[in-house]
Amino acid sequence: VPSPAEVVVTSENFKTVLHWQYPLVSETPHFIVEIKPYNLGYYRNVSTCLNTSARFCDLSEEICDPYLSHWLRVKAVVGSQQSEYVESKEFILQRHGEIGSPELKLSRHGDKLMVDIYHHV
């Protein structure tokens, strides 16, 4: 069974997602994602991405501490066979996450200008 490829973590406005690629195979592949926070020191299953057929996993609820290192890994399961795990690079939300620009709305009320700023978070 081929292993997943191009395993990458992205994070924008605290929405953190693990993505991977997988070749076409005769049966539908399922994937198991695990996370290893630095302070835990070992991998554990990500319950929302256990036996998923998607090629991504939302980790927004798993990665909350902006300064903590995390490693992620994913493996494929096809029928009764499974691949080796493929590990992501170290991910630190504060270092690798991106925050988009706030949304601004301008309005005029008589002789006054109102500026409303909406943060994505």
N, C-alpha and C. Protein backbone atom coordinates (compact mmCIF):
# COMPACT_ATOMS: atom_id res chain seq x y z
N VAL A 1 0.86 -1.18 0.00
CA VAL A 1 0.00 0.00 0.00
C VAL A 1 0.90 1.24 0.00
N PRO A 2 0.70 2.18 -0.93
CA PRO A 2 1.53 3.38 -0.94
C PRO A 2 1.27 4.26 0.28
N SER A 3 2.30 4.96 0.70
CA SER A 3 2.17 5.91 1.81
C SER A 3 1.66 7.24 1.27
N PRO A 4 0.98 8.03 2.12
CA PRO A 4 0.58 9.38 1.71
C PRO A 4 1.83 10.20 1.37
N ALA A 5 1.66 11.23 0.55
CA ALA A 5 2.78 12.08 0.14
C ALA A 5 2.41 13.54 0.34
N GLU A 6 3.41 14.40 0.30
CA GLU A 6 3.22 15.84 0.41
C GLU A 6 2.38 16.20 1.64
N VAL A 7 2.81 15.70 2.79
CA VAL A 7 2.11 15.94 4.06
C VAL A 7 2.52 17.33 4.57
N VAL A 8 1.54 18.24 4.63
CA VAL A 8 1.81 19.64 4.95
C VAL A 8 0.74 20.17 5.91
N VAL A 9 1.18 20.98 6.87
CA VAL A 9 0.25 21.64 7.79
C VAL A 9 0.15 23.11 7.38
N THR A 10 -1.09 23.61 7.28
CA THR A 10 -1.32 25.03 7.03
C THR A 10 -2.20 25.58 8.14
N SER A 11 -2.05 26.86 8.41
CA SER A 11 -2.89 27.49 9.43
C SER A 11 -3.12 28.94 9.06
N GLU A 12 -4.39 29.30 8.93
CA GLU A 12 -4.76 30.69 8.66
C GLU A 12 -5.90 31.07 9.59
N ASN A 13 -5.69 32.15 10.33
CA ASN A 13 -6.68 32.63 11.29
C ASN A 13 -7.09 31.53 12.28
N PHE A 14 -6.10 30.77 12.72
CA PHE A 14 -6.25 29.71 13.71
C PHE A 14 -7.02 28.49 13.20
N LYS A 15 -7.29 28.43 11.91
CA LYS A 15 -7.85 27.21 11.31
C LYS A 15 -6.66 26.42 10.79
N THR A 16 -6.34 25.35 11.49
CA THR A 16 -5.14 24.57 11.22
C THR A 16 -5.53 23.24 10.60
N VAL A 17 -4.94 22.96 9.44
CA VAL A 17 -5.34 21.78 8.66
C VAL A 17 -4.11 21.03 8.17
N LEU A 18 -4.14 19.71 8.31
CA LEU A 18 -3.13 18.83 7.73
C LEU A 18 -3.65 18.36 6.38
N HIS A 19 -2.82 18.49 5.33
CA HIS A 19 -3.20 18.06 3.98
C HIS A 19 -2.22 16.99 3.51
N TRP A 20 -2.67 16.09 2.63
CA TRP A 20 -1.77 15.12 2.01
C TRP A 20 -2.33 14.69 0.67
N GLN A 21 -1.46 14.11 -0.13
CA GLN A 21 -1.84 13.56 -1.43
C GLN A 21 -1.81 12.04 -1.35
N TYR A 22 -2.60 11.42 -2.24
CA TYR A 22 -2.59 9.96 -2.29
C TYR A 22 -2.95 9.52 -3.70
N PRO A 23 -2.24 8.52 -4.23
CA PRO A 23 -2.52 8.09 -5.61
C PRO A 23 -3.85 7.34 -5.70
N LEU A 24 -4.35 7.23 -6.92
CA LEU A 24 -5.57 6.44 -7.15
C LEU A 24 -5.26 4.97 -6.93
N VAL A 25 -6.12 4.29 -6.18
CA VAL A 25 -6.00 2.85 -5.96
C VAL A 25 -7.36 2.23 -6.20
N SER A 26 -7.39 0.91 -6.37
CA SER A 26 -8.64 0.24 -6.73
C SER A 26 -9.72 0.35 -5.64
N GLU A 27 -9.33 0.25 -4.38
CA GLU A 27 -10.29 0.40 -3.28
C GLU A 27 -10.20 1.81 -2.70
N THR A 28 -11.24 2.23 -1.99
CA THR A 28 -11.22 3.54 -1.35
C THR A 28 -10.26 3.53 -0.18
N PRO A 29 -9.25 4.39 -0.20
CA PRO A 29 -8.34 4.44 0.94
C PRO A 29 -8.95 5.21 2.10
N HIS A 30 -8.59 4.80 3.31
CA HIS A 30 -8.95 5.52 4.51
C HIS A 30 -7.65 5.90 5.20
N PHE A 31 -7.71 6.92 6.02
CA PHE A 31 -6.49 7.45 6.61
C PHE A 31 -6.64 7.59 8.11
N ILE A 32 -5.51 7.41 8.79
CA ILE A 32 -5.44 7.58 10.24
C ILE A 32 -4.42 8.67 10.51
N VAL A 33 -4.85 9.69 11.26
CA VAL A 33 -3.99 10.82 11.59
C VAL A 33 -3.67 10.77 13.08
N GLU A 34 -2.40 11.01 13.39
CA GLU A 34 -1.96 11.07 14.78
C GLU A 34 -1.20 12.38 15.01
N ILE A 35 -1.23 12.84 16.26
CA ILE A 35 -0.55 14.09 16.64
C ILE A 35 0.35 13.82 17.83
N LYS A 36 1.51 14.48 17.83
CA LYS A 36 2.43 14.39 18.96
C LYS A 36 2.78 15.80 19.43
N PRO A 37 2.11 16.28 20.48
CA PRO A 37 2.51 17.56 21.07
C PRO A 37 3.82 17.36 21.84
N TYR A 38 4.66 18.36 21.82
CA TYR A 38 5.97 18.27 22.48
C TYR A 38 5.83 17.86 23.94
N ASN A 39 4.88 18.48 24.65
CA ASN A 39 4.75 18.21 26.09
C ASN A 39 4.21 16.81 26.39
N LEU A 40 3.53 16.17 25.44
CA LEU A 40 3.04 14.81 25.64
C LEU A 40 4.16 13.81 25.34
N GLY A 41 4.90 14.05 24.26
CA GLY A 41 6.06 13.22 23.95
C GLY A 41 5.78 11.95 23.17
N TYR A 42 4.53 11.69 22.85
CA TYR A 42 4.21 10.51 22.04
C TYR A 42 2.98 10.80 21.18
N TYR A 43 2.80 9.99 20.15
CA TYR A 43 1.67 10.16 19.24
C TYR A 43 0.39 9.61 19.85
N ARG A 44 -0.71 10.28 19.54
CA ARG A 44 -2.05 9.79 19.88
C ARG A 44 -2.96 10.05 18.69
N ASN A 45 -4.02 9.27 18.57
CA ASN A 45 -4.97 9.43 17.47
C ASN A 45 -5.68 10.77 17.55
N VAL A 46 -5.96 11.35 16.38
CA VAL A 46 -6.85 12.50 16.28
C VAL A 46 -8.23 11.90 16.01
N SER A 47 -9.12 11.94 16.99
CA SER A 47 -10.38 11.20 16.91
C SER A 47 -11.25 11.61 15.72
N THR A 48 -11.18 12.87 15.30
CA THR A 48 -12.00 13.32 14.18
C THR A 48 -11.43 12.88 12.83
N CYS A 49 -10.22 12.35 12.83
CA CYS A 49 -9.58 11.92 11.58
C CYS A 49 -9.09 10.48 11.69
N LEU A 50 -9.91 9.68 12.29
CA LEU A 50 -9.62 8.26 12.44
C LEU A 50 -10.46 7.51 11.42
N ASN A 51 -9.81 6.89 10.47
CA ASN A 51 -10.50 6.14 9.41
C ASN A 51 -11.27 7.06 8.47
N THR A 52 -10.71 8.21 8.17
CA THR A 52 -11.36 9.17 7.28
C THR A 52 -10.98 8.89 5.83
N SER A 53 -11.88 9.18 4.90
CA SER A 53 -11.56 9.04 3.48
C SER A 53 -11.10 10.38 2.89
N ALA A 54 -11.21 11.45 3.67
CA ALA A 54 -10.76 12.78 3.21
C ALA A 54 -9.24 12.80 3.13
N ARG A 55 -8.72 13.73 2.37
CA ARG A 55 -7.27 13.90 2.26
C ARG A 55 -6.81 15.15 3.00
N PHE A 56 -7.51 15.43 4.09
CA PHE A 56 -7.15 16.54 4.97
C PHE A 56 -7.73 16.25 6.35
N CYS A 57 -7.21 16.94 7.34
CA CYS A 57 -7.70 16.78 8.71
C CYS A 57 -7.65 18.13 9.40
N ASP A 58 -8.79 18.60 9.90
CA ASP A 58 -8.86 19.87 10.62
C ASP A 58 -8.34 19.65 12.04
N LEU A 59 -7.27 20.36 12.38
CA LEU A 59 -6.62 20.21 13.69
C LEU A 59 -6.84 21.43 14.57
N SER A 60 -7.79 22.28 14.20
CA SER A 60 -8.00 23.54 14.93
C SER A 60 -8.29 23.33 16.41
N GLU A 61 -8.97 22.26 16.75
CA GLU A 61 -9.29 21.97 18.15
C GLU A 61 -8.14 21.27 18.87
N GLU A 62 -7.18 20.76 18.11
CA GLU A 62 -6.06 20.01 18.67
C GLU A 62 -4.86 20.89 18.98
N ILE A 63 -4.67 21.94 18.19
CA ILE A 63 -3.49 22.80 18.34
C ILE A 63 -3.94 24.17 18.81
N CYS A 64 -3.80 24.39 20.12
CA CYS A 64 -4.27 25.64 20.72
C CYS A 64 -3.13 26.48 21.29
N ASP A 65 -2.12 25.82 21.84
CA ASP A 65 -0.98 26.54 22.43
C ASP A 65 -0.11 27.08 21.29
N PRO A 66 0.01 28.40 21.18
CA PRO A 66 0.73 28.96 20.03
C PRO A 66 2.24 28.72 20.06
N TYR A 67 2.81 28.36 21.20
CA TYR A 67 4.26 28.21 21.32
C TYR A 67 4.73 26.76 21.34
N LEU A 68 3.80 25.82 21.38
CA LEU A 68 4.15 24.40 21.54
C LEU A 68 4.41 23.74 20.19
N SER A 69 5.48 22.96 20.12
CA SER A 69 5.78 22.19 18.91
C SER A 69 4.84 21.00 18.80
N HIS A 70 4.41 20.72 17.56
CA HIS A 70 3.57 19.55 17.27
C HIS A 70 4.14 18.84 16.05
N TRP A 71 4.00 17.54 16.05
CA TRP A 71 4.33 16.75 14.87
C TRP A 71 3.08 15.95 14.54
N LEU A 72 2.84 15.76 13.25
CA LEU A 72 1.66 15.03 12.81
C LEU A 72 2.11 13.93 11.87
N ARG A 73 1.34 12.87 11.83
CA ARG A 73 1.64 11.81 10.89
C ARG A 73 0.34 11.19 10.41
N VAL A 74 0.42 10.63 9.21
CA VAL A 74 -0.76 10.03 8.59
C VAL A 74 -0.34 8.74 7.89
N LYS A 75 -1.23 7.76 7.92
CA LYS A 75 -1.00 6.53 7.17
C LYS A 75 -2.28 6.15 6.45
N ALA A 76 -2.12 5.37 5.40
CA ALA A 76 -3.26 4.92 4.59
C ALA A 76 -3.62 3.49 4.97
N VAL A 77 -4.92 3.21 4.90
CA VAL A 77 -5.43 1.86 5.10
C VAL A 77 -6.28 1.54 3.88
N VAL A 78 -5.91 0.47 3.18
CA VAL A 78 -6.65 0.04 1.99
C VAL A 78 -6.98 -1.44 2.21
N GLY A 79 -8.28 -1.70 2.39
CA GLY A 79 -8.68 -3.08 2.69
C GLY A 79 -8.08 -3.49 4.02
N SER A 80 -7.35 -4.60 4.03
CA SER A 80 -6.73 -5.07 5.27
C SER A 80 -5.25 -4.69 5.36
N GLN A 81 -4.79 -3.90 4.39
CA GLN A 81 -3.38 -3.51 4.39
C GLN A 81 -3.24 -2.04 4.78
N GLN A 82 -2.06 -1.71 5.33
CA GLN A 82 -1.82 -0.32 5.68
C GLN A 82 -0.40 0.09 5.31
N SER A 83 -0.25 1.38 5.09
CA SER A 83 1.06 1.92 4.71
C SER A 83 1.86 2.26 5.96
N GLU A 84 3.08 2.70 5.73
CA GLU A 84 3.88 3.28 6.80
C GLU A 84 3.35 4.69 7.08
N TYR A 85 3.58 5.18 8.29
CA TYR A 85 3.24 6.56 8.60
C TYR A 85 4.19 7.51 7.88
N VAL A 86 3.67 8.67 7.50
CA VAL A 86 4.49 9.76 6.95
C VAL A 86 4.32 10.94 7.89
N GLU A 87 5.44 11.46 8.38
CA GLU A 87 5.42 12.51 9.39
C GLU A 87 5.58 13.89 8.75
N SER A 88 4.86 14.86 9.31
CA SER A 88 5.01 16.25 8.87
C SER A 88 6.26 16.84 9.50
N LYS A 89 6.63 18.01 9.03
CA LYS A 89 7.68 18.78 9.70
C LYS A 89 7.11 19.30 11.00
N GLU A 90 7.98 19.76 11.89
CA GLU A 90 7.54 20.36 13.14
C GLU A 90 6.62 21.54 12.83
N PHE A 91 5.53 21.66 13.59
CA PHE A 91 4.59 22.77 13.41
C PHE A 91 4.44 23.51 14.73
N ILE A 92 4.66 24.83 14.69
CA ILE A 92 4.45 25.71 15.84
C ILE A 92 3.51 26.80 15.36
N LEU A 93 2.34 26.88 15.97
CA LEU A 93 1.30 27.81 15.52
C LEU A 93 1.81 29.25 15.44
N GLN A 94 2.54 29.70 16.46
CA GLN A 94 3.03 31.09 16.49
C GLN A 94 4.01 31.36 15.35
N ARG A 95 4.78 30.36 14.96
CA ARG A 95 5.80 30.54 13.92
C ARG A 95 5.25 30.28 12.52
N HIS A 96 4.41 29.26 12.36
CA HIS A 96 3.97 28.84 11.04
C HIS A 96 2.55 29.27 10.67
N GLY A 97 1.77 29.67 11.66
CA GLY A 97 0.41 30.12 11.39
C GLY A 97 0.39 31.52 10.81
N GLU A 98 -0.65 31.82 10.05
CA GLU A 98 -0.81 33.15 9.46
C GLU A 98 -2.12 33.76 9.94
N ILE A 99 -2.09 35.07 10.15
CA ILE A 99 -3.29 35.81 10.53
C ILE A 99 -3.59 36.78 9.40
N GLY A 100 -4.80 36.70 8.87
CA GLY A 100 -5.20 37.59 7.78
C GLY A 100 -5.51 38.99 8.30
N SER A 101 -5.59 39.92 7.38
CA SER A 101 -5.91 41.31 7.72
C SER A 101 -7.34 41.40 8.25
N PRO A 102 -7.59 42.31 9.18
CA PRO A 102 -8.96 42.49 9.65
C PRO A 102 -9.82 43.10 8.55
N GLU A 103 -11.11 42.90 8.67
CA GLU A 103 -12.06 43.47 7.71
C GLU A 103 -12.50 44.83 8.24
N LEU A 104 -12.47 45.82 7.36
CA LEU A 104 -12.88 47.18 7.75
C LEU A 104 -14.17 47.55 7.05
N LYS A 105 -15.07 48.21 7.79
CA LYS A 105 -16.29 48.74 7.20
C LYS A 105 -16.40 50.20 7.59
N LEU A 106 -16.53 51.03 6.57
CA LEU A 106 -16.67 52.47 6.79
C LEU A 106 -18.12 52.88 6.53
N SER A 107 -18.61 53.76 7.38
CA SER A 107 -19.95 54.30 7.14
C SER A 107 -19.97 55.75 7.63
N ARG A 108 -20.89 56.50 7.06
CA ARG A 108 -21.01 57.91 7.43
C ARG A 108 -22.34 58.11 8.13
N HIS A 109 -22.30 58.78 9.25
CA HIS A 109 -23.50 59.12 10.00
C HIS A 109 -23.49 60.63 10.22
N GLY A 110 -24.20 61.32 9.33
CA GLY A 110 -24.20 62.79 9.39
C GLY A 110 -22.80 63.31 9.06
N ASP A 111 -22.21 64.04 9.98
CA ASP A 111 -20.87 64.57 9.74
C ASP A 111 -19.78 63.71 10.39
N LYS A 112 -20.14 62.48 10.78
CA LYS A 112 -19.17 61.59 11.43
C LYS A 112 -18.88 60.37 10.55
N LEU A 113 -17.65 59.93 10.61
CA LEU A 113 -17.25 58.69 9.94
C LEU A 113 -17.14 57.60 11.00
N MET A 114 -17.73 56.45 10.69
CA MET A 114 -17.64 55.30 11.61
C MET A 114 -16.75 54.25 10.95
N VAL A 115 -15.81 53.73 11.72
CA VAL A 115 -14.93 52.66 11.24
C VAL A 115 -15.17 51.45 12.13
N ASP A 116 -15.65 50.37 11.55
CA ASP A 116 -15.83 49.11 12.27
C ASP A 116 -14.73 48.16 11.83
N ILE A 117 -14.07 47.55 12.79
CA ILE A 117 -12.99 46.59 12.50
C ILE A 117 -13.44 45.23 12.99
N TYR A 118 -13.43 44.26 12.09
CA TYR A 118 -13.83 42.89 12.41
C TYR A 118 -12.62 41.98 12.28
N HIS A 119 -12.24 41.35 13.37
CA HIS A 119 -11.14 40.39 13.33
C HIS A 119 -11.70 39.02 12.96
N HIS A 120 -10.92 38.26 12.23
CA HIS A 120 -11.35 36.93 11.79
C HIS A 120 -11.45 35.93 12.93
N VAL A 121 -10.75 36.19 14.00
CA VAL A 121 -10.70 35.21 15.10
C VAL A 121 -11.86 35.40 16.03
